Amino acid sequence: MISLIRLGKGATLLAWGLMLVNLAHPFTGMIQPLLQGLLGVTLVMHGLFSAAFHYRYRANPAITLAQLRRTRLQILIFGVFALLEFKFSAYKNQHS
């Protein structure tokens, strides 16, 4: 399971790279507006995921403030793959 999450994180980094390169040096053709639109949607969705995570776990005494901040940053970058990794590690810690 963790290898699939890491593969997804790698694909997400590749997508971020393409979207940011397109922002700095726009590609030609129809790919340019598509990547700009995807960048906007990605920023909004990952921001919403990060905010939802923060409001869900901010009062949890088992999570330190540093862990909360680090996980929120990872969610902002990796989205659902960071959420899956958090849930998977929490499940593993609970059942070990």
N, C-alpha and C. Protein backbone atom coordinates (compact mmCIF):
# COMPACT_ATOMS: atom_id res chain seq x y z
N MET A 1 0.82 -1.19 0.00
CA MET A 1 0.00 0.00 0.00
C MET A 1 0.86 1.26 0.00
N ILE A 2 1.91 1.24 0.82
CA ILE A 2 2.75 2.43 0.92
C ILE A 2 3.49 2.70 -0.39
N SER A 3 3.81 1.65 -1.13
CA SER A 3 4.49 1.86 -2.42
C SER A 3 3.55 2.52 -3.43
N LEU A 4 2.27 2.19 -3.39
CA LEU A 4 1.30 2.86 -4.27
C LEU A 4 1.13 4.33 -3.90
N ILE A 5 1.15 4.61 -2.61
CA ILE A 5 1.06 6.00 -2.15
C ILE A 5 2.28 6.78 -2.63
N ARG A 6 3.45 6.18 -2.51
CA ARG A 6 4.67 6.87 -2.97
C ARG A 6 4.67 7.06 -4.47
N LEU A 7 4.15 6.10 -5.21
CA LEU A 7 4.02 6.26 -6.66
C LEU A 7 3.08 7.42 -6.99
N GLY A 8 1.98 7.51 -6.27
CA GLY A 8 1.05 8.62 -6.46
C GLY A 8 1.67 9.96 -6.11
N LYS A 9 2.48 9.98 -5.05
CA LYS A 9 3.17 11.22 -4.69
C LYS A 9 4.16 11.64 -5.77
N GLY A 10 4.83 10.67 -6.36
CA GLY A 10 5.75 10.97 -7.46
C GLY A 10 5.02 11.54 -8.66
N ALA A 11 3.89 10.95 -8.99
CA ALA A 11 3.09 11.45 -10.11
C ALA A 11 2.57 12.86 -9.81
N THR A 12 2.23 13.12 -8.56
CA THR A 12 1.77 14.45 -8.18
C THR A 12 2.89 15.47 -8.31
N LEU A 13 4.10 15.09 -7.90
CA LEU A 13 5.24 16.00 -8.07
C LEU A 13 5.50 16.30 -9.54
N LEU A 14 5.38 15.29 -10.38
CA LEU A 14 5.55 15.49 -11.82
C LEU A 14 4.50 16.45 -12.36
N ALA A 15 3.26 16.29 -11.92
CA ALA A 15 2.18 17.19 -12.36
C ALA A 15 2.43 18.62 -11.89
N TRP A 16 2.86 18.77 -10.61
CA TRP A 16 3.19 20.10 -10.11
C TRP A 16 4.31 20.72 -10.96
N GLY A 17 5.32 19.91 -11.27
CA GLY A 17 6.44 20.41 -12.07
C GLY A 17 5.97 20.91 -13.43
N LEU A 18 5.14 20.13 -14.10
CA LEU A 18 4.63 20.54 -15.41
C LEU A 18 3.80 21.83 -15.31
N MET A 19 2.95 21.90 -14.29
CA MET A 19 2.09 23.08 -14.15
C MET A 19 2.91 24.34 -13.84
N LEU A 20 3.95 24.19 -13.00
CA LEU A 20 4.77 25.35 -12.65
C LEU A 20 5.68 25.78 -13.79
N VAL A 21 6.22 24.81 -14.54
CA VAL A 21 7.02 25.15 -15.72
C VAL A 21 6.15 25.88 -16.73
N ASN A 22 4.92 25.41 -16.91
CA ASN A 22 3.99 26.06 -17.83
C ASN A 22 3.69 27.49 -17.38
N LEU A 23 3.66 27.71 -16.08
CA LEU A 23 3.40 29.05 -15.57
C LEU A 23 4.58 29.98 -15.85
N ALA A 24 5.81 29.47 -15.70
CA ALA A 24 7.00 30.29 -15.93
C ALA A 24 7.29 30.48 -17.42
N HIS A 25 7.18 29.40 -18.18
CA HIS A 25 7.44 29.42 -19.63
C HIS A 25 6.28 28.72 -20.32
N PRO A 26 5.23 29.47 -20.68
CA PRO A 26 4.02 28.84 -21.23
C PRO A 26 4.28 27.99 -22.46
N PHE A 27 3.68 26.80 -22.45
CA PHE A 27 3.75 25.91 -23.60
C PHE A 27 2.88 26.49 -24.71
N THR A 28 3.07 25.99 -25.91
CA THR A 28 2.25 26.45 -27.03
C THR A 28 1.07 25.50 -27.23
N GLY A 29 0.06 26.01 -27.88
CA GLY A 29 -1.09 25.17 -28.20
C GLY A 29 -2.11 25.12 -27.08
N MET A 30 -2.93 24.08 -27.14
CA MET A 30 -4.04 23.94 -26.20
C MET A 30 -3.61 23.45 -24.82
N ILE A 31 -2.38 22.99 -24.69
CA ILE A 31 -1.94 22.46 -23.39
C ILE A 31 -1.74 23.59 -22.37
N GLN A 32 -1.40 24.79 -22.84
CA GLN A 32 -1.13 25.90 -21.94
C GLN A 32 -2.36 26.30 -21.11
N PRO A 33 -3.52 26.58 -21.69
CA PRO A 33 -4.67 26.92 -20.85
C PRO A 33 -5.16 25.74 -20.00
N LEU A 34 -4.98 24.53 -20.51
CA LEU A 34 -5.37 23.35 -19.75
C LEU A 34 -4.54 23.24 -18.47
N LEU A 35 -3.23 23.40 -18.60
CA LEU A 35 -2.36 23.30 -17.42
C LEU A 35 -2.59 24.46 -16.46
N GLN A 36 -2.90 25.64 -16.97
CA GLN A 36 -3.20 26.76 -16.07
C GLN A 36 -4.50 26.52 -15.32
N GLY A 37 -5.48 25.96 -15.99
CA GLY A 37 -6.73 25.62 -15.31
C GLY A 37 -6.53 24.53 -14.27
N LEU A 38 -5.74 23.52 -14.63
CA LEU A 38 -5.45 22.45 -13.67
C LEU A 38 -4.69 22.96 -12.45
N LEU A 39 -3.80 23.93 -12.67
CA LEU A 39 -3.07 24.52 -11.54
C LEU A 39 -4.04 25.20 -10.58
N GLY A 40 -4.98 25.95 -11.12
CA GLY A 40 -5.98 26.61 -10.27
C GLY A 40 -6.83 25.61 -9.50
N VAL A 41 -7.31 24.60 -10.19
CA VAL A 41 -8.14 23.57 -9.54
C VAL A 41 -7.34 22.82 -8.48
N THR A 42 -6.09 22.51 -8.80
CA THR A 42 -5.23 21.79 -7.85
C THR A 42 -4.98 22.62 -6.60
N LEU A 43 -4.69 23.90 -6.77
CA LEU A 43 -4.46 24.77 -5.61
C LEU A 43 -5.71 24.85 -4.73
N VAL A 44 -6.87 25.00 -5.34
CA VAL A 44 -8.11 25.10 -4.57
C VAL A 44 -8.40 23.79 -3.84
N MET A 45 -8.31 22.67 -4.54
CA MET A 45 -8.65 21.38 -3.92
C MET A 45 -7.67 21.01 -2.82
N HIS A 46 -6.38 21.18 -3.06
CA HIS A 46 -5.40 20.84 -2.04
C HIS A 46 -5.53 21.79 -0.84
N GLY A 47 -5.86 23.05 -1.10
CA GLY A 47 -6.11 23.99 0.00
C GLY A 47 -7.32 23.57 0.83
N LEU A 48 -8.37 23.13 0.16
CA LEU A 48 -9.56 22.65 0.89
C LEU A 48 -9.25 21.39 1.70
N PHE A 49 -8.49 20.47 1.10
CA PHE A 49 -8.09 19.26 1.84
C PHE A 49 -7.29 19.63 3.09
N SER A 50 -6.36 20.57 2.93
CA SER A 50 -5.52 20.99 4.04
C SER A 50 -6.34 21.66 5.14
N ALA A 51 -7.27 22.52 4.76
CA ALA A 51 -8.13 23.18 5.75
C ALA A 51 -9.03 22.17 6.46
N ALA A 52 -9.60 21.24 5.72
CA ALA A 52 -10.46 20.22 6.33
C ALA A 52 -9.66 19.36 7.31
N PHE A 53 -8.44 19.00 6.94
CA PHE A 53 -7.59 18.22 7.84
C PHE A 53 -7.30 19.01 9.11
N HIS A 54 -6.97 20.28 8.95
CA HIS A 54 -6.66 21.12 10.11
C HIS A 54 -7.84 21.19 11.07
N TYR A 55 -9.03 21.45 10.56
CA TYR A 55 -10.20 21.56 11.43
C TYR A 55 -10.61 20.22 12.02
N ARG A 56 -10.30 19.13 11.35
CA ARG A 56 -10.65 17.81 11.88
C ARG A 56 -9.71 17.39 13.00
N TYR A 57 -8.42 17.70 12.88
CA TYR A 57 -7.43 17.17 13.82
C TYR A 57 -6.80 18.21 14.74
N ARG A 58 -7.24 19.46 14.70
CA ARG A 58 -6.58 20.50 15.50
C ARG A 58 -6.73 20.27 17.00
N ALA A 59 -7.82 19.66 17.45
CA ALA A 59 -8.04 19.43 18.88
C ALA A 59 -7.62 18.04 19.33
N ASN A 60 -7.01 17.26 18.44
CA ASN A 60 -6.60 15.90 18.77
C ASN A 60 -5.32 15.95 19.61
N PRO A 61 -5.37 15.49 20.86
CA PRO A 61 -4.17 15.56 21.71
C PRO A 61 -3.06 14.60 21.28
N ALA A 62 -3.38 13.62 20.44
CA ALA A 62 -2.37 12.66 20.01
C ALA A 62 -1.46 13.23 18.92
N ILE A 63 -1.83 14.37 18.35
CA ILE A 63 -1.05 14.97 17.27
C ILE A 63 -0.43 16.26 17.78
N THR A 64 0.90 16.37 17.68
CA THR A 64 1.57 17.59 18.10
C THR A 64 1.36 18.67 17.04
N LEU A 65 1.62 19.90 17.43
CA LEU A 65 1.46 21.03 16.51
C LEU A 65 2.43 20.89 15.33
N ALA A 66 3.64 20.40 15.60
CA ALA A 66 4.61 20.21 14.51
C ALA A 66 4.13 19.15 13.52
N GLN A 67 3.57 18.05 14.02
CA GLN A 67 3.02 17.02 13.14
C GLN A 67 1.86 17.55 12.33
N LEU A 68 1.01 18.35 12.95
CA LEU A 68 -0.14 18.93 12.26
C LEU A 68 0.32 19.84 11.13
N ARG A 69 1.31 20.69 11.41
CA ARG A 69 1.82 21.60 10.38
C ARG A 69 2.48 20.85 9.24
N ARG A 70 3.30 19.85 9.59
CA ARG A 70 4.00 19.08 8.56
C ARG A 70 3.01 18.33 7.67
N THR A 71 2.00 17.74 8.27
CA THR A 71 1.00 17.00 7.50
C THR A 71 0.17 17.95 6.64
N ARG A 72 -0.17 19.12 7.16
CA ARG A 72 -0.91 20.10 6.35
C ARG A 72 -0.10 20.54 5.14
N LEU A 73 1.20 20.75 5.31
CA LEU A 73 2.05 21.12 4.19
C LEU A 73 2.11 19.99 3.16
N GLN A 74 2.25 18.76 3.64
CA GLN A 74 2.27 17.63 2.72
C GLN A 74 0.95 17.49 1.98
N ILE A 75 -0.17 17.75 2.66
CA ILE A 75 -1.47 17.69 2.00
C ILE A 75 -1.58 18.78 0.94
N LEU A 76 -1.04 19.96 1.24
CA LEU A 76 -1.06 21.04 0.26
C LEU A 76 -0.28 20.66 -1.00
N ILE A 77 0.78 19.89 -0.84
CA ILE A 77 1.60 19.49 -1.99
C ILE A 77 1.05 18.22 -2.64
N PHE A 78 0.79 17.19 -1.85
CA PHE A 78 0.47 15.87 -2.40
C PHE A 78 -1.02 15.53 -2.40
N GLY A 79 -1.85 16.33 -1.74
CA GLY A 79 -3.29 16.10 -1.75
C GLY A 79 -3.70 14.81 -1.08
N VAL A 80 -4.53 14.06 -1.76
CA VAL A 80 -5.14 12.86 -1.19
C VAL A 80 -4.09 11.80 -0.84
N PHE A 81 -2.95 11.80 -1.51
CA PHE A 81 -1.92 10.81 -1.20
C PHE A 81 -1.32 11.06 0.19
N ALA A 82 -1.19 12.31 0.59
CA ALA A 82 -0.72 12.61 1.95
C ALA A 82 -1.78 12.21 2.98
N LEU A 83 -3.05 12.42 2.65
CA LEU A 83 -4.12 11.99 3.55
C LEU A 83 -4.11 10.47 3.72
N LEU A 84 -3.95 9.76 2.62
CA LEU A 84 -3.89 8.30 2.69
C LEU A 84 -2.70 7.83 3.51
N GLU A 85 -1.56 8.48 3.32
CA GLU A 85 -0.37 8.11 4.09
C GLU A 85 -0.59 8.37 5.58
N PHE A 86 -1.21 9.48 5.92
CA PHE A 86 -1.50 9.80 7.32
C PHE A 86 -2.43 8.75 7.92
N LYS A 87 -3.50 8.42 7.20
CA LYS A 87 -4.45 7.42 7.70
C LYS A 87 -3.78 6.05 7.83
N PHE A 88 -2.97 5.69 6.84
CA PHE A 88 -2.30 4.39 6.86
C PHE A 88 -1.33 4.31 8.04
N SER A 89 -0.55 5.36 8.28
CA SER A 89 0.39 5.34 9.39
C SER A 89 -0.34 5.36 10.74
N ALA A 90 -1.45 6.09 10.83
CA ALA A 90 -2.24 6.10 12.07
C ALA A 90 -2.83 4.72 12.34
N TYR A 91 -3.31 4.05 11.29
CA TYR A 91 -3.85 2.70 11.44
C TYR A 91 -2.76 1.73 11.87
N LYS A 92 -1.57 1.85 11.26
CA LYS A 92 -0.46 0.98 11.61
C LYS A 92 -0.03 1.19 13.06
N ASN A 93 0.03 2.44 13.51
CA ASN A 93 0.43 2.73 14.89
C ASN A 93 -0.62 2.23 15.88
N GLN A 94 -1.87 2.28 15.50
CA GLN A 94 -2.94 1.85 16.38
C GLN A 94 -2.98 0.33 16.53
N HIS A 95 -2.60 -0.39 15.49
CA HIS A 95 -2.68 -1.85 15.50
C HIS A 95 -1.33 -2.53 15.65
N SER A 96 -0.36 -1.83 16.21
CA SER A 96 0.94 -2.49 16.43
C SER A 96 1.27 -2.58 17.89
